[in-house]
N, C-alpha and C. Protein backbone atom coordinates (compact mmCIF):
# COMPACT_ATOMS: atom_id res chain seq x y z
N MET A 1 -89.37 77.27 93.44
CA MET A 1 -90.75 77.67 93.42
C MET A 1 -90.85 79.09 92.88
N THR A 2 -91.77 79.32 91.96
CA THR A 2 -91.95 80.64 91.36
C THR A 2 -92.87 81.47 92.23
N LYS A 3 -92.46 82.69 92.49
CA LYS A 3 -93.30 83.60 93.27
C LYS A 3 -94.15 84.41 92.30
N HIS A 4 -95.47 84.35 92.51
CA HIS A 4 -96.38 85.10 91.66
C HIS A 4 -96.65 86.46 92.30
N THR A 5 -96.67 87.49 91.47
CA THR A 5 -96.98 88.81 91.98
C THR A 5 -98.30 89.27 91.38
N THR A 6 -98.89 90.26 92.01
CA THR A 6 -100.15 90.79 91.52
C THR A 6 -99.98 92.21 91.02
N GLU A 7 -98.74 92.59 90.70
CA GLU A 7 -98.48 93.94 90.23
C GLU A 7 -99.16 94.16 88.89
N GLU A 8 -99.75 95.32 88.74
CA GLU A 8 -100.42 95.66 87.51
C GLU A 8 -99.55 96.62 86.72
N THR A 9 -99.72 96.63 85.41
CA THR A 9 -98.99 97.58 84.60
C THR A 9 -99.61 98.96 84.80
N THR A 10 -98.89 99.99 84.44
CA THR A 10 -99.41 101.35 84.62
C THR A 10 -100.53 101.64 83.64
N LYS A 11 -100.52 101.05 82.47
CA LYS A 11 -101.57 101.24 81.48
C LYS A 11 -102.62 100.14 81.64
N PRO A 12 -103.90 100.48 81.78
CA PRO A 12 -104.92 99.43 81.95
C PRO A 12 -105.07 98.60 80.67
N MET A 13 -105.33 97.31 80.86
CA MET A 13 -105.55 96.40 79.74
C MET A 13 -106.89 96.75 79.11
N THR A 14 -106.95 96.72 77.78
CA THR A 14 -108.18 97.00 77.05
C THR A 14 -108.63 95.75 76.32
N CYS A 15 -109.91 95.44 76.41
CA CYS A 15 -110.47 94.28 75.72
C CYS A 15 -110.44 94.51 74.21
N PRO A 16 -109.87 93.57 73.45
CA PRO A 16 -109.83 93.74 72.00
C PRO A 16 -111.20 93.53 71.34
N HIS A 17 -112.15 92.98 72.08
CA HIS A 17 -113.47 92.70 71.51
C HIS A 17 -114.43 93.87 71.66
N CYS A 18 -114.44 94.53 72.84
CA CYS A 18 -115.41 95.60 73.08
C CYS A 18 -114.77 96.93 73.49
N GLY A 19 -113.46 96.94 73.75
CA GLY A 19 -112.76 98.17 74.11
C GLY A 19 -112.84 98.55 75.59
N SER A 20 -113.48 97.72 76.40
CA SER A 20 -113.63 98.01 77.82
C SER A 20 -112.29 97.86 78.55
N THR A 21 -112.11 98.66 79.59
CA THR A 21 -110.94 98.49 80.47
C THR A 21 -111.33 97.77 81.75
N ASN A 22 -112.55 97.27 81.82
CA ASN A 22 -113.02 96.48 82.97
C ASN A 22 -112.57 95.04 82.77
N VAL A 23 -111.27 94.84 82.91
CA VAL A 23 -110.61 93.58 82.56
C VAL A 23 -109.91 93.00 83.78
N GLY A 24 -110.02 91.68 83.93
CA GLY A 24 -109.32 90.97 84.99
C GLY A 24 -108.21 90.11 84.42
N LYS A 25 -107.16 89.95 85.18
CA LYS A 25 -106.01 89.14 84.76
C LYS A 25 -106.11 87.78 85.44
N TYR A 26 -105.96 86.71 84.65
CA TYR A 26 -105.94 85.36 85.22
C TYR A 26 -104.62 85.13 85.92
N LEU A 27 -104.69 84.56 87.11
CA LEU A 27 -103.50 84.20 87.88
C LEU A 27 -103.46 82.68 87.99
N TYR A 28 -102.46 82.07 87.37
CA TYR A 28 -102.30 80.62 87.39
C TYR A 28 -101.26 80.23 88.42
N GLY A 29 -101.36 79.01 88.89
CA GLY A 29 -100.40 78.51 89.87
C GLY A 29 -100.97 78.55 91.27
N MET A 30 -100.11 78.39 92.23
CA MET A 30 -100.51 78.40 93.64
C MET A 30 -100.10 79.74 94.24
N PRO A 31 -101.04 80.70 94.30
CA PRO A 31 -100.67 82.02 94.78
C PRO A 31 -100.46 82.05 96.29
N VAL A 32 -99.65 82.97 96.72
CA VAL A 32 -99.47 83.24 98.14
C VAL A 32 -100.52 84.30 98.48
N PHE A 33 -101.49 83.90 99.30
CA PHE A 33 -102.58 84.82 99.60
C PHE A 33 -102.13 85.95 100.52
N SER A 34 -102.63 87.13 100.22
CA SER A 34 -102.35 88.31 101.03
C SER A 34 -103.62 89.17 101.00
N ASN A 35 -103.64 90.20 101.80
CA ASN A 35 -104.77 91.12 101.78
C ASN A 35 -104.89 91.81 100.42
N GLU A 36 -103.74 92.15 99.83
CA GLU A 36 -103.73 92.78 98.52
C GLU A 36 -104.34 91.86 97.46
N LEU A 37 -103.94 90.59 97.47
CA LEU A 37 -104.49 89.63 96.51
C LEU A 37 -105.99 89.44 96.72
N MET A 38 -106.41 89.37 97.97
CA MET A 38 -107.84 89.20 98.25
C MET A 38 -108.64 90.40 97.74
N GLU A 39 -108.15 91.61 97.96
CA GLU A 39 -108.83 92.80 97.48
C GLU A 39 -108.94 92.81 95.96
N LYS A 40 -107.84 92.47 95.28
CA LYS A 40 -107.84 92.47 93.82
C LYS A 40 -108.75 91.37 93.26
N THR A 41 -108.84 90.26 93.98
CA THR A 41 -109.74 89.19 93.56
C THR A 41 -111.19 89.63 93.72
N LEU A 42 -111.51 90.24 94.83
CA LEU A 42 -112.88 90.72 95.06
C LEU A 42 -113.26 91.84 94.09
N ASP A 43 -112.28 92.67 93.70
CA ASP A 43 -112.52 93.75 92.75
C ASP A 43 -112.59 93.26 91.30
N GLY A 44 -112.21 92.00 91.05
CA GLY A 44 -112.23 91.45 89.70
C GLY A 44 -110.99 91.76 88.89
N LYS A 45 -109.98 92.37 89.52
CA LYS A 45 -108.74 92.67 88.81
C LYS A 45 -107.89 91.43 88.62
N ILE A 46 -108.02 90.47 89.54
CA ILE A 46 -107.31 89.19 89.48
C ILE A 46 -108.34 88.08 89.53
N ILE A 47 -108.17 87.08 88.67
CA ILE A 47 -109.04 85.91 88.66
C ILE A 47 -108.16 84.69 88.89
N ILE A 48 -108.35 84.02 90.01
CA ILE A 48 -107.54 82.85 90.33
C ILE A 48 -108.03 81.69 89.47
N ALA A 49 -107.13 81.13 88.67
CA ALA A 49 -107.53 80.18 87.63
C ALA A 49 -107.10 78.75 87.87
N GLY A 50 -106.34 78.48 88.90
CA GLY A 50 -105.92 77.11 89.15
C GLY A 50 -104.47 76.87 88.77
N CYS A 51 -104.03 75.65 88.98
CA CYS A 51 -102.61 75.37 88.78
C CYS A 51 -102.32 74.47 87.58
N ILE A 52 -103.34 74.04 86.87
CA ILE A 52 -103.11 73.25 85.65
C ILE A 52 -103.18 74.22 84.48
N VAL A 53 -102.06 74.40 83.80
CA VAL A 53 -101.96 75.38 82.73
C VAL A 53 -101.69 74.67 81.41
N THR A 54 -102.43 75.08 80.37
CA THR A 54 -102.21 74.53 79.03
C THR A 54 -101.84 75.67 78.09
N ASP A 55 -101.52 75.34 76.86
CA ASP A 55 -101.16 76.35 75.86
C ASP A 55 -102.36 77.17 75.40
N ASP A 56 -103.57 76.71 75.70
CA ASP A 56 -104.79 77.39 75.25
C ASP A 56 -105.42 78.29 76.31
N ASP A 57 -104.81 78.42 77.47
CA ASP A 57 -105.40 79.20 78.54
C ASP A 57 -105.31 80.70 78.25
N PRO A 58 -106.37 81.44 78.58
CA PRO A 58 -106.36 82.89 78.34
C PRO A 58 -105.58 83.62 79.44
N GLY A 59 -105.19 84.83 79.13
CA GLY A 59 -104.49 85.65 80.11
C GLY A 59 -105.39 86.66 80.79
N TYR A 60 -106.50 87.02 80.10
CA TYR A 60 -107.37 88.07 80.61
C TYR A 60 -108.83 87.74 80.37
N HIS A 61 -109.70 88.38 81.15
CA HIS A 61 -111.15 88.21 81.01
C HIS A 61 -111.80 89.59 81.07
N CYS A 62 -112.68 89.85 80.09
CA CYS A 62 -113.41 91.11 80.07
C CYS A 62 -114.71 90.94 80.86
N HIS A 63 -114.89 91.75 81.89
CA HIS A 63 -116.10 91.68 82.69
C HIS A 63 -117.29 92.31 81.97
N ASN A 64 -117.02 93.11 80.93
CA ASN A 64 -118.08 93.77 80.19
C ASN A 64 -118.72 92.81 79.18
N CYS A 65 -117.93 92.24 78.28
CA CYS A 65 -118.49 91.35 77.24
C CYS A 65 -118.33 89.87 77.58
N LYS A 66 -117.69 89.57 78.72
CA LYS A 66 -117.55 88.20 79.23
C LYS A 66 -116.68 87.31 78.36
N ARG A 67 -115.76 87.90 77.60
CA ARG A 67 -114.89 87.10 76.73
C ARG A 67 -113.48 87.07 77.29
N ASP A 68 -112.79 85.96 77.02
CA ASP A 68 -111.39 85.79 77.40
C ASP A 68 -110.52 86.18 76.22
N PHE A 69 -109.29 86.62 76.52
CA PHE A 69 -108.36 86.97 75.46
C PHE A 69 -106.93 86.99 75.98
N GLY A 70 -106.00 87.07 75.06
CA GLY A 70 -104.59 87.19 75.42
C GLY A 70 -103.98 85.91 75.94
N LYS A 71 -102.70 85.98 76.16
CA LYS A 71 -101.93 84.86 76.72
C LYS A 71 -101.51 85.18 78.15
N PRO A 72 -101.43 84.16 78.99
CA PRO A 72 -101.02 84.41 80.38
C PRO A 72 -99.56 84.83 80.47
N GLU A 73 -99.25 85.59 81.49
CA GLU A 73 -97.87 85.96 81.80
C GLU A 73 -97.39 85.01 82.89
N TYR A 74 -96.29 84.33 82.63
CA TYR A 74 -95.77 83.36 83.60
C TYR A 74 -94.60 83.93 84.33
């Protein structure tokens, strides 16, 4: 079983469409819920996306322009 982490990189992700750093990362799979994950979900930093993953799924979502982009990190 793969353990998913919610660690963020030190550099904030930037939306390639509008340049905003108000970006959330999609988390695929069955996450292990914790207080940290709940906080990041409520803050929009993590978006729980489900456990069915395809090759077309985005990795990130811009809360500013509402567009998805990038590839997920597995």
